[in-house]
N, C-alpha and C. Protein backbone atom coordinates (compact mmCIF):
# COMPACT_ATOMS: atom_id res chain seq x y z
N UNK A 1 115.31 112.59 107.14
CA UNK A 1 114.93 111.54 106.23
C UNK A 1 115.24 111.99 104.81
N UNK A 2 115.90 111.15 104.05
CA UNK A 2 116.30 111.51 102.68
C UNK A 2 115.18 111.29 101.68
N UNK A 3 114.51 110.14 101.76
CA UNK A 3 113.50 109.81 100.76
C UNK A 3 112.52 108.80 101.35
N UNK A 4 111.26 108.89 100.91
CA UNK A 4 110.24 107.96 101.38
C UNK A 4 109.42 107.48 100.19
N UNK A 5 108.73 106.37 100.38
CA UNK A 5 107.83 105.85 99.37
C UNK A 5 106.79 104.96 100.02
N UNK A 6 105.70 104.72 99.30
CA UNK A 6 104.62 103.89 99.83
C UNK A 6 104.15 102.93 98.74
N UNK A 7 103.74 101.74 99.17
CA UNK A 7 103.27 100.70 98.27
C UNK A 7 101.88 100.26 98.73
N UNK A 8 100.94 100.19 97.80
CA UNK A 8 99.59 99.70 98.09
C UNK A 8 99.39 98.43 97.27
N UNK A 9 99.11 97.32 97.96
CA UNK A 9 98.89 96.04 97.29
C UNK A 9 97.41 95.70 97.33
N UNK A 10 96.86 95.32 96.18
CA UNK A 10 95.45 94.92 96.11
C UNK A 10 95.36 93.40 95.99
N UNK A 11 94.14 92.89 96.07
CA UNK A 11 93.95 91.43 96.05
C UNK A 11 94.15 90.80 94.68
N UNK A 12 94.13 91.60 93.63
CA UNK A 12 94.17 91.05 92.27
C UNK A 12 95.56 90.94 91.67
N UNK A 13 96.60 90.93 92.50
CA UNK A 13 97.96 90.80 91.99
C UNK A 13 98.53 92.08 91.42
N UNK A 14 97.87 93.17 91.69
CA UNK A 14 98.32 94.48 91.21
C UNK A 14 98.74 95.29 92.43
N UNK A 15 99.71 96.16 92.23
CA UNK A 15 100.14 97.04 93.31
C UNK A 15 100.41 98.42 92.73
N UNK A 16 100.38 99.40 93.63
CA UNK A 16 100.57 100.78 93.20
C UNK A 16 101.65 101.45 94.05
N UNK A 17 102.54 102.16 93.39
CA UNK A 17 103.46 103.06 94.08
C UNK A 17 102.61 104.27 94.42
N UNK A 18 102.27 104.43 95.70
CA UNK A 18 101.35 105.49 96.12
C UNK A 18 102.03 106.84 96.27
N UNK A 19 103.26 106.84 96.64
CA UNK A 19 103.92 108.12 96.89
C UNK A 19 105.42 107.91 96.88
N UNK A 20 106.12 108.87 96.34
CA UNK A 20 107.58 108.89 96.42
C UNK A 20 107.97 110.35 96.60
N UNK A 21 108.74 110.61 97.63
CA UNK A 21 109.21 111.97 97.90
C UNK A 21 110.67 111.91 98.34
N UNK A 22 111.43 112.89 97.90
CA UNK A 22 112.83 113.02 98.31
C UNK A 22 113.04 114.43 98.83
N UNK A 23 113.69 114.52 99.98
CA UNK A 23 114.01 115.82 100.56
C UNK A 23 114.90 116.59 99.56
N UNK A 24 114.68 117.89 99.42
CA UNK A 24 115.47 118.67 98.46
C UNK A 24 116.98 118.55 98.63
N UNK A 25 117.46 118.36 99.85
CA UNK A 25 118.90 118.22 100.08
C UNK A 25 119.48 116.95 99.47
N UNK A 26 118.60 115.99 99.08
CA UNK A 26 119.07 114.70 98.58
C UNK A 26 118.68 114.44 97.14
N UNK A 27 118.17 115.46 96.45
CA UNK A 27 117.76 115.27 95.06
C UNK A 27 118.96 114.90 94.18
N UNK A 28 118.71 114.00 93.25
CA UNK A 28 119.70 113.54 92.25
C UNK A 28 120.94 112.92 92.89
N UNK A 29 120.73 112.29 94.07
CA UNK A 29 121.82 111.60 94.74
C UNK A 29 121.55 110.10 94.86
N UNK A 30 120.45 109.63 94.27
CA UNK A 30 120.14 108.21 94.28
C UNK A 30 119.20 107.75 95.38
N UNK A 31 118.77 108.66 96.24
CA UNK A 31 117.89 108.26 97.35
C UNK A 31 116.56 107.74 96.83
N UNK A 32 115.98 108.41 95.86
CA UNK A 32 114.71 107.96 95.28
C UNK A 32 114.84 106.62 94.60
N UNK A 33 115.96 106.39 93.93
CA UNK A 33 116.20 105.11 93.26
C UNK A 33 116.25 103.96 94.27
N UNK A 34 116.87 104.20 95.41
CA UNK A 34 116.94 103.17 96.45
C UNK A 34 115.54 102.86 96.98
N UNK A 35 114.75 103.89 97.21
CA UNK A 35 113.38 103.67 97.69
C UNK A 35 112.57 102.92 96.63
N UNK A 36 112.69 103.30 95.37
CA UNK A 36 111.96 102.60 94.32
C UNK A 36 112.37 101.14 94.25
N UNK A 37 113.63 100.84 94.34
CA UNK A 37 114.08 99.44 94.33
C UNK A 37 113.51 98.67 95.52
N UNK A 38 113.42 99.32 96.66
CA UNK A 38 112.85 98.68 97.85
C UNK A 38 111.37 98.38 97.63
N UNK A 39 110.65 99.31 97.03
CA UNK A 39 109.23 99.10 96.72
C UNK A 39 109.06 97.95 95.73
N UNK A 40 109.87 97.92 94.69
CA UNK A 40 109.79 96.86 93.69
C UNK A 40 110.07 95.50 94.33
N UNK A 41 111.10 95.43 95.17
CA UNK A 41 111.44 94.17 95.84
C UNK A 41 110.30 93.71 96.75
N UNK A 42 109.67 94.63 97.48
CA UNK A 42 108.55 94.27 98.35
C UNK A 42 107.38 93.76 97.52
N UNK A 43 107.10 94.40 96.40
CA UNK A 43 106.01 93.96 95.53
C UNK A 43 106.28 92.54 95.02
N UNK A 44 107.50 92.28 94.61
CA UNK A 44 107.85 90.94 94.13
C UNK A 44 107.68 89.89 95.24
N UNK A 45 108.11 90.22 96.45
CA UNK A 45 107.96 89.28 97.58
C UNK A 45 106.51 88.95 97.83
N UNK A 46 105.61 89.88 97.55
CA UNK A 46 104.18 89.66 97.76
C UNK A 46 103.49 89.07 96.54
N UNK A 47 104.26 88.69 95.53
CA UNK A 47 103.69 88.05 94.35
C UNK A 47 102.95 88.98 93.41
N UNK A 48 103.25 90.25 93.47
CA UNK A 48 102.59 91.23 92.59
C UNK A 48 103.01 90.97 91.15
N UNK A 49 102.03 91.02 90.26
CA UNK A 49 102.28 90.79 88.84
C UNK A 49 102.59 92.09 88.09
N UNK A 50 101.94 93.18 88.49
CA UNK A 50 102.12 94.46 87.83
C UNK A 50 102.15 95.57 88.87
N UNK A 51 103.16 96.42 88.77
CA UNK A 51 103.30 97.57 89.67
C UNK A 51 102.99 98.82 88.85
N UNK A 52 102.04 99.61 89.30
CA UNK A 52 101.59 100.78 88.55
C UNK A 52 101.71 102.04 89.40
N UNK A 53 101.69 103.18 88.72
CA UNK A 53 101.69 104.45 89.42
C UNK A 53 101.03 105.52 88.57
N UNK A 54 100.53 106.53 89.26
CA UNK A 54 99.97 107.72 88.62
C UNK A 54 100.87 108.87 89.02
N UNK A 55 101.24 109.69 88.04
CA UNK A 55 102.08 110.84 88.33
C UNK A 55 101.64 112.02 87.47
N UNK A 56 102.23 113.15 87.71
CA UNK A 56 101.87 114.36 86.99
C UNK A 56 102.58 114.48 85.66
N UNK A 57 102.30 115.57 84.99
CA UNK A 57 102.91 115.89 83.69
C UNK A 57 103.58 117.25 83.80
N UNK A 58 104.54 117.47 82.95
CA UNK A 58 105.21 118.76 82.90
C UNK A 58 106.63 118.70 83.42
N UNK A 59 107.36 119.78 83.26
CA UNK A 59 108.79 119.81 83.61
C UNK A 59 109.11 119.39 85.04
N UNK A 60 108.27 119.72 86.00
CA UNK A 60 108.56 119.38 87.40
C UNK A 60 108.59 117.88 87.62
N UNK A 61 107.93 117.11 86.75
CA UNK A 61 107.86 115.66 86.92
C UNK A 61 108.88 114.90 86.08
N UNK A 62 109.64 115.60 85.24
CA UNK A 62 110.60 114.93 84.35
C UNK A 62 111.65 114.09 85.10
N UNK A 63 112.25 114.59 86.19
CA UNK A 63 113.22 113.75 86.90
C UNK A 63 112.61 112.44 87.40
N UNK A 64 111.40 112.50 87.95
CA UNK A 64 110.74 111.28 88.43
C UNK A 64 110.43 110.35 87.27
N UNK A 65 109.96 110.90 86.16
CA UNK A 65 109.66 110.07 84.98
C UNK A 65 110.90 109.36 84.49
N UNK A 66 112.02 110.06 84.45
CA UNK A 66 113.27 109.42 84.02
C UNK A 66 113.65 108.27 84.96
N UNK A 67 113.48 108.47 86.27
CA UNK A 67 113.77 107.42 87.24
C UNK A 67 112.90 106.20 86.96
N UNK A 68 111.59 106.39 86.81
CA UNK A 68 110.69 105.27 86.56
C UNK A 68 111.00 104.59 85.24
N UNK A 69 111.26 105.35 84.20
CA UNK A 69 111.53 104.77 82.89
C UNK A 69 112.85 104.02 82.87
N UNK A 70 113.86 104.54 83.58
CA UNK A 70 115.15 103.81 83.67
C UNK A 70 114.95 102.44 84.31
N UNK A 71 114.00 102.34 85.22
CA UNK A 71 113.75 101.08 85.92
C UNK A 71 112.83 100.15 85.13
N UNK A 72 112.29 100.63 83.99
CA UNK A 72 111.50 99.76 83.12
C UNK A 72 110.01 100.05 83.08
N UNK A 73 109.55 101.06 83.82
CA UNK A 73 108.14 101.43 83.76
C UNK A 73 107.84 101.99 82.38
N UNK A 74 106.66 101.66 81.87
CA UNK A 74 106.22 102.18 80.57
C UNK A 74 104.87 102.86 80.72
N UNK A 75 104.63 103.85 79.87
CA UNK A 75 103.35 104.56 79.90
C UNK A 75 102.23 103.63 79.49
N UNK A 76 101.07 103.82 80.13
CA UNK A 76 99.92 102.99 79.82
C UNK A 76 98.62 103.67 80.23
N UNK A 77 97.60 102.88 80.29
CA UNK A 77 96.25 103.37 80.59
C UNK A 77 96.06 103.61 82.09
N UNK A 78 95.02 104.39 82.38
CA UNK A 78 94.63 104.61 83.77
C UNK A 78 94.24 103.27 84.38
N UNK A 79 94.35 103.18 85.69
CA UNK A 79 94.03 101.94 86.40
C UNK A 79 93.25 102.28 87.65
N UNK A 80 92.65 101.25 88.23
CA UNK A 80 91.88 101.46 89.46
C UNK A 80 90.80 102.50 89.26
N UNK A 81 90.68 103.41 90.20
CA UNK A 81 89.65 104.45 90.10
C UNK A 81 90.18 105.75 89.49
N UNK A 82 91.41 105.73 88.99
CA UNK A 82 91.97 106.93 88.38
C UNK A 82 91.29 107.25 87.06
N UNK A 83 91.23 108.53 86.74
CA UNK A 83 90.70 109.00 85.47
C UNK A 83 91.83 109.75 84.77
N UNK A 84 92.07 109.40 83.53
CA UNK A 84 93.11 110.06 82.76
C UNK A 84 92.72 111.49 82.45
N UNK A 85 93.66 112.41 82.60
CA UNK A 85 93.41 113.82 82.34
C UNK A 85 94.62 114.46 81.70
N UNK A 86 94.53 115.75 81.52
CA UNK A 86 95.58 116.51 80.85
C UNK A 86 96.87 116.57 81.68
N UNK A 87 96.75 116.51 82.99
CA UNK A 87 97.91 116.73 83.85
C UNK A 87 98.39 115.49 84.59
N UNK A 88 97.89 114.31 84.22
CA UNK A 88 98.41 113.10 84.86
C UNK A 88 98.75 112.06 83.80
N UNK A 89 99.50 111.09 84.22
CA UNK A 89 99.88 109.99 83.35
C UNK A 89 100.11 108.75 84.20
N UNK A 90 100.13 107.59 83.54
CA UNK A 90 100.17 106.32 84.24
C UNK A 90 101.32 105.48 83.71
N UNK A 91 102.04 104.85 84.62
CA UNK A 91 103.18 104.01 84.26
C UNK A 91 102.98 102.65 84.89
N UNK A 92 103.49 101.62 84.20
CA UNK A 92 103.32 100.24 84.65
C UNK A 92 104.63 99.46 84.48
N UNK A 93 104.87 98.55 85.40
CA UNK A 93 106.04 97.67 85.36
C UNK A 93 105.56 96.24 85.58
N UNK A 94 105.72 95.41 84.58
CA UNK A 94 105.37 93.99 84.71
C UNK A 94 106.45 93.30 85.54
N UNK A 95 106.04 92.58 86.57
CA UNK A 95 106.99 91.91 87.47
C UNK A 95 107.04 90.40 87.27
N UNK A 96 105.99 89.82 86.70
CA UNK A 96 105.94 88.36 86.52
C UNK A 96 105.86 88.03 85.06
């Protein structure tokens, strides 16, 4: 498997990218981008208004941050039951 991702949809028109992972053999080959596009398309089909995610901070997370930002995600506030801290950050993509 090259890359996987998960989508969690809530009742309030909000959804979360729960997980995105790419096998090391497929890094920087576009596998993650394809999975992210699939997640975004599924969220749109379900009428999601905002797609959000929580991710880490620091150099190890820079490639993922660039992927999300290229797709239009912007930094924002914590959501759901998440608590903002020194080592996490939150991104949001308006779909509607």
